[in-house]
């Protein structure tokens, strides 16, 4: 039997936290897994050749540290052992590529921002494409309480 994985995007947004929690709780309750995807945008490295490699290494290191915080919580609290995927490119393209390349991904989980700027560029862009994506999207409100999250997962 194929294990269904929840794909969740790791970025610097606050709402990413609730998306991580939701994905881990749902995976724990459904016997699924979690894949955490972080995308390094290409414009971070286009300055100088030598500096680009150092910046790329630093970006990966930052991502891994950030990931480890979520991974530890998932292992300790939900008994979920997430996998980390780091891709480089435009976030939207890389998310779609990851879903396309990994047939075990069953749901894309995104956190929606709560400020006046709207839910966030990824939620906006992916919602527009939701009709043609190969998996459903779950959008988790950024200001849901931990208790409310637990009750709905």
C-alpha atoms as a PDB file:
ATOM      1  CA  UNK A   1       0.000   0.000   0.000  1.00  0.00           C
ATOM      2  CA  UNK A   2       1.272   3.476  -0.844  1.00  0.00           C
ATOM      3  CA  UNK A   3       1.794   5.751   2.090  1.00  0.00           C
ATOM      4  CA  UNK A   4       0.154   9.094   1.519  1.00  0.00           C
ATOM      5  CA  UNK A   5       2.444  12.022   2.171  1.00  0.00           C
ATOM      6  CA  UNK A   6       1.523  15.560   3.079  1.00  0.00           C
ATOM      7  CA  UNK A   7       3.717  18.101   1.299  1.00  0.00           C
ATOM      8  CA  UNK A   8       4.267  21.249   3.344  1.00  0.00           C
ATOM      9  CA  UNK A   9       6.312  24.284   2.327  1.00  0.00           C
ATOM     10  CA  UNK A  10       8.960  25.593   4.707  1.00  0.00           C
ATOM     11  CA  UNK A  11       9.618  29.312   4.366  1.00  0.00           C
ATOM     12  CA  UNK A  12      10.160  32.291   6.628  1.00  0.00           C
ATOM     13  CA  UNK A  13       6.471  33.038   7.072  1.00  0.00           C
ATOM     14  CA  UNK A  14       4.755  32.790  10.438  1.00  0.00           C
ATOM     15  CA  UNK A  15       1.828  30.886   8.947  1.00  0.00           C
ATOM     16  CA  UNK A  16       4.211  28.119   7.904  1.00  0.00           C
ATOM     17  CA  UNK A  17       4.101  26.967  11.546  1.00  0.00           C
ATOM     18  CA  UNK A  18       0.396  26.072  11.468  1.00  0.00           C
ATOM     19  CA  UNK A  19       0.796  24.336   8.117  1.00  0.00           C
ATOM     20  CA  UNK A  20       3.583  22.193   9.649  1.00  0.00           C
ATOM     21  CA  UNK A  21       1.455  21.351  12.688  1.00  0.00           C
ATOM     22  CA  UNK A  22      -1.548  20.481  10.558  1.00  0.00           C
ATOM     23  CA  UNK A  23       0.459  18.263   8.193  1.00  0.00           C
ATOM     24  CA  UNK A  24       2.102  16.394  11.081  1.00  0.00           C
ATOM     25  CA  UNK A  25      -1.165  15.869  12.962  1.00  0.00           C
ATOM     26  CA  UNK A  26      -3.006  14.672   9.859  1.00  0.00           C
ATOM     27  CA  UNK A  27      -0.145  12.350   8.935  1.00  0.00           C
ATOM     28  CA  UNK A  28      -0.037  10.931  12.457  1.00  0.00           C
ATOM     29  CA  UNK A  29      -3.783  10.294  12.497  1.00  0.00           C
ATOM     30  CA  UNK A  30      -3.937   8.800   9.000  1.00  0.00           C
ATOM     31  CA  UNK A  31      -0.729   6.755   9.003  1.00  0.00           C
ATOM     32  CA  UNK A  32       0.816   9.032   6.403  1.00  0.00           C
ATOM     33  CA  UNK A  33       4.125  10.841   6.101  1.00  0.00           C
ATOM     34  CA  UNK A  34       5.320  14.416   5.760  1.00  0.00           C
ATOM     35  CA  UNK A  35       7.615  15.880   3.139  1.00  0.00           C
ATOM     36  CA  UNK A  36       8.897  19.360   3.940  1.00  0.00           C
ATOM     37  CA  UNK A  37       9.867  21.326   0.840  1.00  0.00           C
ATOM     38  CA  UNK A  38      11.989  24.449   0.956  1.00  0.00           C
ATOM     39  CA  UNK A  39      12.694  26.389  -2.208  1.00  0.00           C
ATOM     40  CA  UNK A  40      15.689  28.674  -2.653  1.00  0.00           C
ATOM     41  CA  UNK A  41      14.769  31.342  -5.211  1.00  0.00           C
ATOM     42  CA  UNK A  42      17.331  31.777  -8.004  1.00  0.00           C
ATOM     43  CA  UNK A  43      17.723  35.539  -7.525  1.00  0.00           C
ATOM     44  CA  UNK A  44      19.638  34.924  -4.293  1.00  0.00           C
ATOM     45  CA  UNK A  45      22.707  33.709  -6.201  1.00  0.00           C
ATOM     46  CA  UNK A  46      22.961  35.755  -9.353  1.00  0.00           C
ATOM     47  CA  UNK A  47      25.442  38.271  -7.957  1.00  0.00           C
ATOM     48  CA  UNK A  48      28.961  36.883  -8.356  1.00  0.00           C
ATOM     49  CA  UNK A  49      30.067  33.360  -9.181  1.00  0.00           C
ATOM     50  CA  UNK A  50      32.167  32.612  -6.069  1.00  0.00           C
ATOM     51  CA  UNK A  51      29.814  34.382  -3.695  1.00  0.00           C
ATOM     52  CA  UNK A  52      26.861  32.468  -5.165  1.00  0.00           C
ATOM     53  CA  UNK A  53      28.214  29.135  -3.933  1.00  0.00           C
ATOM     54  CA  UNK A  54      28.789  30.479  -0.419  1.00  0.00           C
ATOM     55  CA  UNK A  55      25.310  32.011  -0.335  1.00  0.00           C
ATOM     56  CA  UNK A  56      23.799  28.752  -1.600  1.00  0.00           C
ATOM     57  CA  UNK A  57      25.558  26.810   1.181  1.00  0.00           C
ATOM     58  CA  UNK A  58      24.409  29.334   3.780  1.00  0.00           C
ATOM     59  CA  UNK A  59      20.824  29.196   2.519  1.00  0.00           C
ATOM     60  CA  UNK A  60      20.852  25.386   2.765  1.00  0.00           C
ATOM     61  CA  UNK A  61      22.299  25.556   6.261  1.00  0.00           C
ATOM     62  CA  UNK A  62      19.619  28.035   7.354  1.00  0.00           C
ATOM     63  CA  UNK A  63      16.914  25.793   5.893  1.00  0.00           C
ATOM     64  CA  UNK A  64      18.308  22.704   7.626  1.00  0.00           C
ATOM     65  CA  UNK A  65      18.387  24.454  11.018  1.00  0.00           C
ATOM     66  CA  UNK A  66      14.822  25.717  10.523  1.00  0.00           C
ATOM     67  CA  UNK A  67      13.704  22.239   9.376  1.00  0.00           C
ATOM     68  CA  UNK A  68      15.285  20.529  12.378  1.00  0.00           C
ATOM     69  CA  UNK A  69      13.099  22.579  14.757  1.00  0.00           C
ATOM     70  CA  UNK A  70       9.929  21.334  13.014  1.00  0.00           C
ATOM     71  CA  UNK A  71      11.296  17.808  12.551  1.00  0.00           C
ATOM     72  CA  UNK A  72      12.112  17.454  16.241  1.00  0.00           C
ATOM     73  CA  UNK A  73       8.602  18.551  17.206  1.00  0.00           C
ATOM     74  CA  UNK A  74       7.080  16.143  14.662  1.00  0.00           C
ATOM     75  CA  UNK A  75       9.202  13.233  15.924  1.00  0.00           C
ATOM     76  CA  UNK A  76       8.657  13.977  19.627  1.00  0.00           C
ATOM     77  CA  UNK A  77       4.986  14.971  19.595  1.00  0.00           C
ATOM     78  CA  UNK A  78       3.498  13.156  16.581  1.00  0.00           C
ATOM     79  CA  UNK A  79       5.939  10.283  15.983  1.00  0.00           C
ATOM     80  CA  UNK A  80       6.318  11.494  12.395  1.00  0.00           C
ATOM     81  CA  UNK A  81       9.738  11.476  10.727  1.00  0.00           C
ATOM     82  CA  UNK A  82       9.543  14.122   8.006  1.00  0.00           C
ATOM     83  CA  UNK A  83      11.786  14.199   4.983  1.00  0.00           C
ATOM     84  CA  UNK A  84      13.396  17.453   3.837  1.00  0.00           C
ATOM     85  CA  UNK A  85      13.646  18.365   0.166  1.00  0.00           C
ATOM     86  CA  UNK A  86      15.512  21.507  -0.876  1.00  0.00           C
ATOM     87  CA  UNK A  87      15.002  22.715  -4.421  1.00  0.00           C
ATOM     88  CA  UNK A  88      16.249  25.778  -6.240  1.00  0.00           C
ATOM     89  CA  UNK A  89      14.085  27.833  -8.553  1.00  0.00           C
ATOM     90  CA  UNK A  90      10.782  29.680  -8.557  1.00  0.00           C
ATOM     91  CA  UNK A  91       8.738  28.456  -5.574  1.00  0.00           C
ATOM     92  CA  UNK A  92       5.554  27.833  -7.569  1.00  0.00           C
ATOM     93  CA  UNK A  93       7.352  25.825 -10.283  1.00  0.00           C
ATOM     94  CA  UNK A  94       9.333  23.795  -7.749  1.00  0.00           C
ATOM     95  CA  UNK A  95       6.257  22.920  -5.669  1.00  0.00           C
ATOM     96  CA  UNK A  96       4.441  21.678  -8.761  1.00  0.00           C
ATOM     97  CA  UNK A  97       7.560  19.773  -9.903  1.00  0.00           C
ATOM     98  CA  UNK A  98       7.871  18.083  -6.494  1.00  0.00           C
ATOM     99  CA  UNK A  99       4.229  16.990  -6.557  1.00  0.00           C
ATOM    100  CA  UNK A 100       4.612  15.705 -10.108  1.00  0.00           C
ATOM    101  CA  UNK A 101       7.831  13.797  -9.344  1.00  0.00           C
ATOM    102  CA  UNK A 102       6.636  12.153  -6.115  1.00  0.00           C
ATOM    103  CA  UNK A 103       3.517  10.012  -6.663  1.00  0.00           C
ATOM    104  CA  UNK A 104       3.186   9.397  -2.899  1.00  0.00           C
ATOM    105  CA  UNK A 105       2.273  13.035  -2.244  1.00  0.00           C
ATOM    106  CA  UNK A 106      -1.464  13.122  -1.654  1.00  0.00           C
ATOM    107  CA  UNK A 107      -2.083  16.608  -0.276  1.00  0.00           C
ATOM    108  CA  UNK A 108      -0.338  19.988  -0.450  1.00  0.00           C
ATOM    109  CA  UNK A 109      -0.622  21.886   2.844  1.00  0.00           C
ATOM    110  CA  UNK A 110      -0.141  25.667   2.843  1.00  0.00           C
ATOM    111  CA  UNK A 111      -0.396  28.218   5.620  1.00  0.00           C
ATOM    112  CA  UNK A 112      -2.444  31.336   4.897  1.00  0.00           C
ATOM    113  CA  UNK A 113      -1.213  34.675   6.173  1.00  0.00           C
ATOM    114  CA  UNK A 114      -3.397  36.741   8.442  1.00  0.00           C
ATOM    115  CA  UNK A 115      -2.198  40.258   7.755  1.00  0.00           C
ATOM    116  CA  UNK A 116      -3.741  42.850   5.456  1.00  0.00           C
ATOM    117  CA  UNK A 117      -1.523  41.807   2.528  1.00  0.00           C
ATOM    118  CA  UNK A 118      -3.711  38.737   2.004  1.00  0.00           C
ATOM    119  CA  UNK A 119      -3.058  35.010   2.390  1.00  0.00           C
ATOM    120  CA  UNK A 120       0.401  35.139   0.809  1.00  0.00           C
ATOM    121  CA  UNK A 121       1.736  34.831  -2.736  1.00  0.00           C
ATOM    122  CA  UNK A 122       1.963  31.021  -2.738  1.00  0.00           C
ATOM    123  CA  UNK A 123      -1.610  30.544  -1.555  1.00  0.00           C
ATOM    124  CA  UNK A 124      -2.810  33.072  -4.127  1.00  0.00           C
ATOM    125  CA  UNK A 125      -0.811  31.572  -7.019  1.00  0.00           C
ATOM    126  CA  UNK A 126      -1.578  27.943  -6.194  1.00  0.00           C
ATOM    127  CA  UNK A 127      -5.269  28.634  -5.613  1.00  0.00           C
ATOM    128  CA  UNK A 128      -5.459  29.976  -9.161  1.00  0.00           C
ATOM    129  CA  UNK A 129      -3.957  26.707 -10.409  1.00  0.00           C
ATOM    130  CA  UNK A 130      -5.840  24.416  -8.034  1.00  0.00           C
ATOM    131  CA  UNK A 131      -8.039  23.107 -10.844  1.00  0.00           C
ATOM    132  CA  UNK A 132      -5.080  21.661 -12.701  1.00  0.00           C
ATOM    133  CA  UNK A 133      -2.958  20.402  -9.797  1.00  0.00           C
ATOM    134  CA  UNK A 134      -2.660  16.617  -9.399  1.00  0.00           C
ATOM    135  CA  UNK A 135      -3.441  16.794  -5.635  1.00  0.00           C
ATOM    136  CA  UNK A 136      -5.829  18.726  -3.392  1.00  0.00           C
ATOM    137  CA  UNK A 137      -4.615  21.763  -1.461  1.00  0.00           C
ATOM    138  CA  UNK A 138      -5.352  22.251   2.218  1.00  0.00           C
ATOM    139  CA  UNK A 139      -5.017  25.874   3.296  1.00  0.00           C
ATOM    140  CA  UNK A 140      -4.490  26.301   7.036  1.00  0.00           C
ATOM    141  CA  UNK A 141      -5.356  29.702   8.535  1.00  0.00           C
ATOM    142  CA  UNK A 142      -2.281  31.227  10.146  1.00  0.00           C
ATOM    143  CA  UNK A 143      -4.074  32.285  13.305  1.00  0.00           C
ATOM    144  CA  UNK A 144      -5.821  29.005  14.187  1.00  0.00           C
ATOM    145  CA  UNK A 145      -5.076  28.038  17.779  1.00  0.00           C
ATOM    146  CA  UNK A 146      -3.188  24.845  18.562  1.00  0.00           C
ATOM    147  CA  UNK A 147      -6.312  23.479  20.270  1.00  0.00           C
ATOM    148  CA  UNK A 148      -8.507  24.211  17.257  1.00  0.00           C
ATOM    149  CA  UNK A 149      -5.931  22.594  14.966  1.00  0.00           C
ATOM    150  CA  UNK A 150      -5.941  19.469  17.120  1.00  0.00           C
ATOM    151  CA  UNK A 151      -9.723  19.272  17.063  1.00  0.00           C
ATOM    152  CA  UNK A 152      -9.983  19.492  13.258  1.00  0.00           C
ATOM    153  CA  UNK A 153      -7.148  17.138  12.340  1.00  0.00           C
END
